[in-house]
Amino acid sequence: MKKILFVSLCLSHIAFGDSLGSLLFHGNCTTCHYEKKEVSAPAMAEVRARYKTAFADKKSFIKYLSEWVASPSKEHSIMLDAIKKHGLMPQLAYEKDVLEDIAEYIYETDFNNYDASTHAH
């Protein structure tokens, strides 16, 4: 029953313009990463800016970010200052395709011009 409810919820969000990546991001990442505000982790606008500077093309951005989130390490981080301030991100048990969908959403979303009122936190 829970799977049916989750699938129905996903389909309704997608039907109203939210991508799967958006749904996954807002259902998981915003627990720690706010769009524009740094609280317990870096703001997603800052994460996106730093990764886009390091990885200008979409494919490299998605590959590196999704692999790093799958197995966070200080040695492979491009945000050592954030690790020093907030600690290393915990390892999360998400599947590769889920992390890639989220990374693609992050790549494509300008969080500096993001309207949080259109998404629930």
Foldseek 3Di string as FASTA:
>chain_A
DVVVVVVVVQVVCVVVPQDLLNVLCLVPVCVQADQCDHDLFHHLLVVLVQLCVVPVDLVVQLVLQLVCLQPPDCVSDPCVVRCVVRNIDDHDPDDSVNSSSNSNVSNPDNSVPDDCVVDDD
